[in-house]
C-alpha atoms as a PDB file:
ATOM      1  CA  MET A   1       0.000   0.000   0.000  1.00  0.00           C
ATOM      2  CA  THR A   2       1.147   3.511  -0.773  1.00  0.00           C
ATOM      3  CA  THR A   3      -0.073   6.965   0.137  1.00  0.00           C
ATOM      4  CA  CYS A   4      -2.397   8.244  -2.586  1.00  0.00           C
ATOM      5  CA  ALA A   5      -4.377  11.404  -3.129  1.00  0.00           C
ATOM      6  CA  VAL A   6      -7.998  11.044  -4.180  1.00  0.00           C
ATOM      7  CA  CYS A   7      -8.458  13.735  -6.856  1.00  0.00           C
ATOM      8  CA  ASN A   8     -11.584  15.026  -8.598  1.00  0.00           C
ATOM      9  CA  ILE A   9     -11.536  14.232 -12.304  1.00  0.00           C
ATOM     10  CA  SER A  10     -13.161  17.600 -13.083  1.00  0.00           C
ATOM     11  CA  ASP A  11     -10.649  19.958 -11.422  1.00  0.00           C
ATOM     12  CA  ASP A  12      -7.775  17.794 -10.044  1.00  0.00           C
ATOM     13  CA  LEU A  13      -8.537  18.984  -6.490  1.00  0.00           C
ATOM     14  CA  VAL A  14      -7.308  16.619  -3.769  1.00  0.00           C
ATOM     15  CA  VAL A  15     -10.334  15.681  -1.658  1.00  0.00           C
ATOM     16  CA  ASN A  16      -8.797  12.932   0.477  1.00  0.00           C
ATOM     17  CA  VAL A  17      -5.524  11.134   1.198  1.00  0.00           C
ATOM     18  CA  ILE A  18      -5.650   7.360   1.687  1.00  0.00           C
ATOM     19  CA  GLN A  19      -3.494   4.230   1.798  1.00  0.00           C
ATOM     20  CA  ALA A  20      -4.158   2.280  -1.404  1.00  0.00           C
ATOM     21  CA  GLU A  21      -2.577   0.808  -4.482  1.00  0.00           C
ATOM     22  CA  PRO A  22      -2.494   3.397  -7.289  1.00  0.00           C
ATOM     23  CA  THR A  23      -4.069   0.765  -9.533  1.00  0.00           C
ATOM     24  CA  ASP A  24      -7.117   0.309  -7.255  1.00  0.00           C
ATOM     25  CA  PRO A  25     -10.329   1.603  -8.835  1.00  0.00           C
ATOM     26  CA  PRO A  26     -10.962   5.168  -7.613  1.00  0.00           C
ATOM     27  CA  TYR A  27     -14.230   6.441  -6.208  1.00  0.00           C
ATOM     28  CA  GLU A  28     -16.799   7.617  -8.743  1.00  0.00           C
ATOM     29  CA  GLY A  29     -15.696  10.909 -10.312  1.00  0.00           C
ATOM     30  CA  THR A  30     -12.177  10.637  -8.916  1.00  0.00           C
ATOM     31  CA  TYR A  31      -8.786   9.132  -9.635  1.00  0.00           C
ATOM     32  CA  LEU A  32      -5.781   8.215  -7.479  1.00  0.00           C
ATOM     33  CA  ALA A  33      -2.412   9.986  -7.630  1.00  0.00           C
ATOM     34  CA  GLU A  34       0.513   8.512  -5.734  1.00  0.00           C
ATOM     35  CA  ILE A  35       2.256  10.839  -3.255  1.00  0.00           C
ATOM     36  CA  ASN A  36       6.023  10.274  -3.217  1.00  0.00           C
ATOM     37  CA  ALA A  37       9.351  12.095  -3.093  1.00  0.00           C
ATOM     38  CA  THR A  38       9.120  13.267  -6.713  1.00  0.00           C
ATOM     39  CA  THR A  39       5.570  14.685  -6.595  1.00  0.00           C
ATOM     40  CA  ASN A  40       5.955  17.435  -3.939  1.00  0.00           C
ATOM     41  CA  VAL A  41       3.897  16.985  -0.802  1.00  0.00           C
ATOM     42  CA  GLY A  42       0.195  16.497  -1.463  1.00  0.00           C
ATOM     43  CA  GLY A  43      -2.769  17.011   0.810  1.00  0.00           C
ATOM     44  CA  ILE A  44      -6.435  17.908   0.962  1.00  0.00           C
ATOM     45  CA  GLY A  45      -7.019  21.200  -0.828  1.00  0.00           C
ATOM     46  CA  TYR A  46      -3.992  20.814  -3.103  1.00  0.00           C
ATOM     47  CA  ILE A  47      -4.242  20.562  -6.892  1.00  0.00           C
ATOM     48  CA  TYR A  48      -2.616  17.692  -8.760  1.00  0.00           C
ATOM     49  CA  ASN A  49      -0.880  18.663 -12.016  1.00  0.00           C
ATOM     50  CA  ARG A  50      -1.163  15.492 -14.120  1.00  0.00           C
ATOM     51  CA  GLU A  51       1.221  16.723 -16.813  1.00  0.00           C
ATOM     52  CA  LYS A  52       4.028  17.456 -14.328  1.00  0.00           C
ATOM     53  CA  ASN A  53       3.122  14.658 -11.858  1.00  0.00           C
ATOM     54  CA  LYS A  54       3.304  17.218  -9.037  1.00  0.00           C
ATOM     55  CA  PHE A  55       1.021  18.541  -6.323  1.00  0.00           C
ATOM     56  CA  ILE A  56       0.440  22.295  -5.990  1.00  0.00           C
ATOM     57  CA  SER A  57      -0.285  23.633  -2.511  1.00  0.00           C
ATOM     58  CA  PRO A  58      -2.818  26.411  -1.945  1.00  0.00           C
ATOM     59  CA  GLN A  59      -1.233  29.821  -2.572  1.00  0.00           C
ATOM     60  CA  LEU A  60       0.246  31.087   0.714  1.00  0.00           C
ATOM     61  CA  PHE A  61       0.358  34.798  -0.143  1.00  0.00           C
ATOM     62  CA  PRO A  62      -1.160  36.849  -2.990  1.00  0.00           C
ATOM     63  CA  SER A  63       2.253  38.175  -4.048  1.00  0.00           C
ATOM     64  CA  TRP A  64       3.771  34.711  -4.554  1.00  0.00           C
ATOM     65  CA  THR A  65       3.872  33.213  -8.039  1.00  0.00           C
ATOM     66  CA  LEU A  66       3.757  29.605  -9.144  1.00  0.00           C
ATOM     67  CA  ASP A  67       6.950  28.224 -10.668  1.00  0.00           C
ATOM     68  CA  PRO A  68       5.661  26.240 -13.672  1.00  0.00           C
ATOM     69  CA  ASP A  69       8.594  23.812 -13.585  1.00  0.00           C
ATOM     70  CA  THR A  70       8.595  22.860  -9.903  1.00  0.00           C
ATOM     71  CA  CYS A  71       4.904  23.587  -9.146  1.00  0.00           C
ATOM     72  CA  LEU A  72       6.048  25.404  -5.983  1.00  0.00           C
ATOM     73  CA  TRP A  73       5.084  28.929  -4.922  1.00  0.00           C
ATOM     74  CA  THR A  74       7.906  31.488  -4.864  1.00  0.00           C
ATOM     75  CA  ALA A  75       8.135  34.803  -3.067  1.00  0.00           C
ATOM     76  CA  PRO A  76       8.863  37.975  -5.053  1.00  0.00           C
ATOM     77  CA  ILE A  77      12.120  38.285  -3.067  1.00  0.00           C
ATOM     78  CA  PRO A  78      14.202  35.148  -2.373  1.00  0.00           C
ATOM     79  CA  GLN A  79      14.431  34.101   1.266  1.00  0.00           C
ATOM     80  CA  PRO A  80      17.863  34.817   2.798  1.00  0.00           C
ATOM     81  CA  LEU A  81      20.026  31.701   3.086  1.00  0.00           C
ATOM     82  CA  ASP A  82      22.093  32.699   6.105  1.00  0.00           C
ATOM     83  CA  GLY A  83      21.088  29.952   8.547  1.00  0.00           C
ATOM     84  CA  TYR A  84      18.338  31.932  10.294  1.00  0.00           C
ATOM     85  CA  ASN A  85      14.590  31.226  10.191  1.00  0.00           C
ATOM     86  CA  TYR A  86      12.357  33.716   8.377  1.00  0.00           C
ATOM     87  CA  TRP A  87       8.678  34.410   7.834  1.00  0.00           C
ATOM     88  CA  TRP A  88       7.252  36.307   4.858  1.00  0.00           C
ATOM     89  CA  ASN A  89       5.494  39.592   5.722  1.00  0.00           C
ATOM     90  CA  GLU A  90       2.959  40.187   2.971  1.00  0.00           C
ATOM     91  CA  ASP A  91       2.242  43.777   4.077  1.00  0.00           C
ATOM     92  CA  THR A  92       5.856  44.923   3.750  1.00  0.00           C
ATOM     93  CA  GLN A  93       6.869  42.380   1.083  1.00  0.00           C
ATOM     94  CA  THR A  94       9.945  41.441   3.132  1.00  0.00           C
ATOM     95  CA  TRP A  95      11.353  38.466   5.017  1.00  0.00           C
ATOM     96  CA  ILE A  96      11.278  38.874   8.801  1.00  0.00           C
ATOM     97  CA  ARG A  97      13.974  37.066  10.781  1.00  0.00           C
ATOM     98  CA  LEU A  98      12.410  35.004  13.580  1.00  0.00           C
ATOM     99  CA  ASP A  99      15.409  34.227  15.726  1.00  0.00           C
ATOM    100  CA  GLY A 100      18.375  36.148  17.006  1.00  0.00           C
END
């Protein structure tokens, strides 16, 4: 058994996450998409991109854009990579350092 997302055929929205074989017949109006290391993390409320075999999370902030190659949301300014933890402040469009 593997972890699979139950997706609506009509809009690719993930409506449930279950343990199943990807070849098991899906529920009516749905299909199964396997969640694994190459598909991004998938969960309820995510969208499954069949062409890319990737899950797209809900958009975290209005200013973030979807990278069409990775199917991940990116901030308008890259997060600093200096070993500290940061949180995006949508109002100021800046990264706020959380520690130290």
